[in-house]
């Protein structure tokens, strides 16, 4: 059943608010839309992203599960739910969903080989870099997410996504993406450095220092981590030795 013009506008408004990191503003039009269209999988998906941005992972997982019940081939919802399960520590379900996403998406992408997908990922990543360079982190994050649809194992792109999310004022999502990089490959020491920066940006000084120290232990050549630790030590002295 087709949406009315008003319903399409509500969906677009909700999506726009989510992409801008304003999850509170997103929920009102989306929940109003769901009251009239409870079987609209897209609305459940965007409601879930708003809940995730607010840190309500239980509500996010319920909405994503409903989106998948309504549309079992909804790859974006499946990947988002896998990410939520990762954040909740449910690794088995997250892995199962990620594997299911690849199997579900295979028929639609059957004509695209790995080389082509890699090229598409790199093109979207380059667009994200361009947006970051001109100070548009929201658009950069959207481009990086598109790149990761084509190359989900591109850890360097996910690292840049985390940085863009931090720059866009969404540190919680940034931390989730950076931790996801490190779970996939603990050797991504640059992600650990950026995780420390993100923790510091929200006042989590102990977590920031721990991240930088761990990065230096893993790779003593990381001068950036060493500089951050000196900065943190100086800030601690200025505060009389407290953090």
Protein backbone atom coordinates (compact mmCIF):
# COMPACT_ATOMS: atom_id res chain seq x y z
CA UNK A 1 0.00 0.00 0.00
CA UNK A 2 1.41 3.38 -1.03
CA UNK A 3 2.12 6.06 1.53
CA UNK A 4 0.30 9.35 1.46
CA UNK A 5 2.26 12.54 0.93
CA UNK A 6 1.99 13.31 4.65
CA UNK A 7 3.25 9.85 5.58
CA UNK A 8 6.20 10.10 3.21
CA UNK A 9 7.06 13.46 4.74
CA UNK A 10 6.95 11.98 8.26
CA UNK A 11 9.32 9.20 7.21
CA UNK A 12 11.69 11.66 5.55
CA UNK A 13 11.65 13.97 8.58
CA UNK A 14 12.41 11.10 10.93
CA UNK A 15 15.24 9.85 8.72
CA UNK A 16 16.74 13.34 8.43
CA UNK A 17 16.70 13.84 12.21
CA UNK A 18 18.38 10.47 12.77
CA UNK A 19 21.10 11.25 10.22
CA UNK A 20 21.71 14.59 11.94
CA UNK A 21 22.01 12.89 15.33
CA UNK A 22 18.80 14.41 16.74
CA UNK A 23 17.20 11.18 17.90
CA UNK A 24 14.65 12.82 20.18
CA UNK A 25 13.22 14.87 17.31
CA UNK A 26 13.22 11.79 15.07
CA UNK A 27 11.00 9.66 17.28
CA UNK A 28 7.89 11.84 17.21
CA UNK A 29 7.17 11.74 13.43
CA UNK A 30 8.25 8.12 13.14
CA UNK A 31 6.08 6.90 16.00
CA UNK A 32 3.15 8.89 14.64
CA UNK A 33 3.70 7.18 11.30
CA UNK A 34 3.84 3.75 12.93
CA UNK A 35 0.56 4.40 14.70
CA UNK A 36 -1.04 4.62 11.27
CA UNK A 37 1.26 2.15 9.47
CA UNK A 38 2.41 -0.47 12.00
CA UNK A 39 3.57 -2.79 9.20
CA UNK A 40 6.02 -0.31 7.65
CA UNK A 41 9.44 -1.92 8.05
CA UNK A 42 11.33 1.25 7.10
CA UNK A 43 9.73 3.18 9.96
CA UNK A 44 10.70 0.47 12.46
CA UNK A 45 14.27 0.60 11.11
CA UNK A 46 14.65 4.34 11.60
CA UNK A 47 13.00 4.21 15.02
CA UNK A 48 15.60 1.59 15.95
CA UNK A 49 18.47 3.83 14.85
CA UNK A 50 17.05 6.66 16.95
CA UNK A 51 16.84 4.37 19.99
CA UNK A 52 20.40 3.18 19.39
CA UNK A 53 21.63 6.77 19.24
CA UNK A 54 19.96 7.39 22.63
CA UNK A 55 21.68 4.33 24.08
CA UNK A 56 18.48 2.28 24.44
CA UNK A 57 19.77 -0.93 22.88
CA UNK A 58 16.82 -3.05 24.04
CA UNK A 59 14.32 -0.79 22.29
CA UNK A 60 16.58 -0.66 19.22
CA UNK A 61 16.77 -4.46 19.00
CA UNK A 62 13.00 -4.82 19.37
CA UNK A 63 12.36 -2.37 16.54
CA UNK A 64 14.92 -4.01 14.28
CA UNK A 65 13.53 -7.47 15.00
CA UNK A 66 10.10 -6.19 13.99
CA UNK A 67 11.51 -4.67 10.80
CA UNK A 68 13.04 -8.04 9.93
CA UNK A 69 9.84 -9.89 10.78
CA UNK A 70 8.00 -7.65 8.33
CA UNK A 71 10.75 -7.84 5.69
CA UNK A 72 13.14 -10.80 6.18
CA UNK A 73 15.32 -9.57 3.27
CA UNK A 74 15.94 -6.15 4.84
CA UNK A 75 19.75 -6.27 4.76
CA UNK A 76 20.29 -2.86 6.39
CA UNK A 77 18.09 -3.84 9.34
CA UNK A 78 19.90 -7.17 9.67
CA UNK A 79 23.30 -5.46 9.77
CA UNK A 80 22.07 -2.83 12.22
CA UNK A 81 20.69 -5.54 14.50
CA UNK A 82 24.02 -7.39 14.33
CA UNK A 83 25.73 -4.17 15.44
CA UNK A 84 23.27 -3.75 18.33
CA UNK A 85 23.85 -7.33 19.45
CA UNK A 86 27.61 -6.68 19.33
CA UNK A 87 27.16 -3.70 21.62
CA UNK A 88 25.08 -5.86 23.99
CA UNK A 89 27.79 -8.52 24.02
CA UNK A 90 25.68 -11.14 22.23
CA UNK A 91 28.44 -12.22 19.85
CA UNK A 92 26.80 -15.44 18.66
CA UNK A 93 23.61 -13.71 17.49
CA UNK A 94 25.59 -10.85 15.95
CA UNK A 95 27.75 -13.28 13.96
CA UNK A 96 24.73 -15.29 12.85
CA UNK A 97 22.97 -12.16 11.61
CA UNK A 98 26.06 -10.89 9.77
CA UNK A 99 26.43 -14.25 8.01
CA UNK A 100 22.72 -14.22 7.17
CA UNK A 101 23.08 -10.77 5.67
CA UNK A 102 25.75 -11.96 3.27
CA UNK A 103 23.60 -14.92 2.23
CA UNK A 104 20.49 -12.76 1.79
CA UNK A 105 22.30 -10.11 -0.22
CA UNK A 106 24.06 -12.57 -2.50
CA UNK A 107 21.30 -12.89 -5.16
CA UNK A 108 20.93 -9.11 -5.52
CA UNK A 109 24.67 -8.65 -5.92
CA UNK A 110 25.36 -11.77 -7.91
CA UNK A 111 26.55 -9.73 -10.89
CA UNK A 112 29.08 -7.74 -8.88
CA UNK A 113 32.44 -9.37 -8.23
CA UNK A 114 34.66 -8.61 -5.26
CA UNK A 115 36.85 -6.24 -7.28
CA UNK A 116 33.85 -4.16 -8.37
CA UNK A 117 32.48 -4.02 -4.84
CA UNK A 118 35.88 -2.90 -3.60
CA UNK A 119 36.00 -0.13 -6.17
CA UNK A 120 32.53 1.06 -5.19
CA UNK A 121 33.54 1.05 -1.53
CA UNK A 122 36.63 3.11 -2.29
CA UNK A 123 34.61 5.64 -4.29
CA UNK A 124 32.16 6.17 -1.41
CA UNK A 125 35.05 6.36 1.05
CA UNK A 126 36.74 9.03 -1.07
CA UNK A 127 33.50 11.00 -1.08
CA UNK A 128 33.40 10.71 2.71
CA UNK A 129 36.97 12.03 2.90
CA UNK A 130 36.00 14.99 0.73
CA UNK A 131 33.04 15.82 2.98
CA UNK A 132 35.26 15.66 6.08
CA UNK A 133 37.81 17.97 4.50
CA UNK A 134 35.18 20.67 3.98
CA UNK A 135 33.72 20.27 7.48
CA UNK A 136 30.60 18.22 6.70
CA UNK A 137 30.91 15.23 9.07
CA UNK A 138 27.27 14.14 8.77
CA UNK A 139 27.55 13.75 5.02
CA UNK A 140 30.94 12.10 5.49
CA UNK A 141 29.46 9.54 7.88
CA UNK A 142 26.69 8.73 5.40
CA UNK A 143 29.25 8.18 2.63
CA UNK A 144 31.41 5.97 4.84
CA UNK A 145 28.38 3.86 5.79
CA UNK A 146 27.64 3.41 2.09
CA UNK A 147 31.25 2.34 1.53
CA UNK A 148 30.95 -0.22 4.31
CA UNK A 149 27.87 -1.71 2.68
CA UNK A 150 30.14 -2.70 -0.21
CA UNK A 151 33.21 -3.46 1.92
CA UNK A 152 32.17 -4.33 5.50
CA UNK A 153 35.70 -5.53 6.31
CA UNK A 154 37.34 -2.21 5.33
CA UNK A 155 38.53 -1.36 8.84
CA UNK A 156 40.21 1.87 7.75
CA UNK A 157 36.86 3.14 6.46
CA UNK A 158 35.11 2.20 9.70
CA UNK A 159 37.86 4.05 11.58
CA UNK A 160 37.11 7.18 9.52
CA UNK A 161 33.41 6.66 10.15
CA UNK A 162 34.09 6.73 13.88
CA UNK A 163 36.06 9.94 13.54
CA UNK A 164 33.32 11.56 11.44
CA UNK A 165 30.67 10.57 13.99
CA UNK A 166 32.72 12.15 16.77
CA UNK A 167 33.11 15.31 14.71
CA UNK A 168 29.35 15.30 14.14
CA UNK A 169 28.72 15.31 17.89
CA UNK A 170 27.77 11.63 18.19
CA UNK A 171 30.49 10.22 20.46
CA UNK A 172 28.44 7.20 21.57
CA UNK A 173 28.12 5.97 18.01
CA UNK A 174 31.76 6.83 17.34
CA UNK A 175 32.89 4.69 20.28
CA UNK A 176 30.72 1.80 19.08
CA UNK A 177 32.27 1.90 15.60
CA UNK A 178 35.85 2.20 16.88
CA UNK A 179 35.34 -0.68 19.30
CA UNK A 180 33.89 -2.70 16.44
CA UNK A 181 37.11 -2.14 14.48
CA UNK A 182 39.19 -3.34 17.42
CA UNK A 183 37.04 -6.42 17.97
CA UNK A 184 37.50 -7.36 14.34
CA UNK A 185 41.24 -6.63 14.32
CA UNK A 186 43.03 -5.69 17.57
CA UNK A 187 46.06 -4.69 15.48
CA UNK A 188 44.26 -1.55 14.31
CA UNK A 189 46.18 0.64 16.76
CA UNK A 190 45.08 3.89 15.11
CA UNK A 191 41.52 3.00 16.08
CA UNK A 192 42.65 2.62 19.69
CA UNK A 193 44.23 6.08 19.58
CA UNK A 194 41.02 7.57 18.18
CA UNK A 195 38.98 5.68 20.77
CA UNK A 196 41.04 7.47 23.42
CA UNK A 197 40.41 10.82 21.76
CA UNK A 198 36.67 10.13 21.71
CA UNK A 199 36.60 9.10 25.37
CA UNK A 200 38.53 12.27 26.25
CA UNK A 201 36.05 14.40 24.30
CA UNK A 202 33.22 13.30 26.62
CA UNK A 203 35.20 13.59 29.85
CA UNK A 204 36.15 9.91 30.23
CA UNK A 205 39.76 10.67 31.05
CA UNK A 206 40.66 7.33 32.64
CA UNK A 207 39.29 5.40 29.64
CA UNK A 208 41.16 7.73 27.29
CA UNK A 209 44.48 7.23 29.04
CA UNK A 210 43.93 3.46 29.13
CA UNK A 211 43.33 3.41 25.37
CA UNK A 212 46.44 5.47 24.61
CA UNK A 213 48.59 3.39 26.97
CA UNK A 214 47.36 0.17 25.35
CA UNK A 215 48.13 1.58 21.92
CA UNK A 216 51.70 2.44 22.97
CA UNK A 217 52.26 -0.99 24.49
CA UNK A 218 51.15 -2.57 21.20
CA UNK A 219 53.16 -0.13 19.05
CA UNK A 220 55.78 2.05 20.80
CA UNK A 221 56.24 4.07 17.60
CA UNK A 222 52.83 5.73 17.99
CA UNK A 223 54.01 9.26 18.74
CA UNK A 224 50.41 10.51 18.55
CA UNK A 225 49.40 8.35 21.52
CA UNK A 226 52.51 9.49 23.43
CA UNK A 227 51.61 13.15 22.79
CA UNK A 228 48.07 12.60 24.02
CA UNK A 229 49.35 10.98 27.20
CA UNK A 230 51.62 13.97 27.84
CA UNK A 231 48.64 16.25 27.32
CA UNK A 232 46.58 14.16 29.75
CA UNK A 233 49.37 14.27 32.35
CA UNK A 234 49.55 18.04 32.03
CA UNK A 235 45.79 18.36 32.45
CA UNK A 236 45.98 16.17 35.54
CA UNK A 237 48.68 18.35 37.11
CA UNK A 238 46.66 21.50 36.41
CA UNK A 239 43.73 19.92 38.26
CA UNK A 240 45.91 19.15 41.25
CA UNK A 241 46.51 15.54 40.32
CA UNK A 242 42.88 14.57 39.89
CA UNK A 243 41.20 13.35 36.72
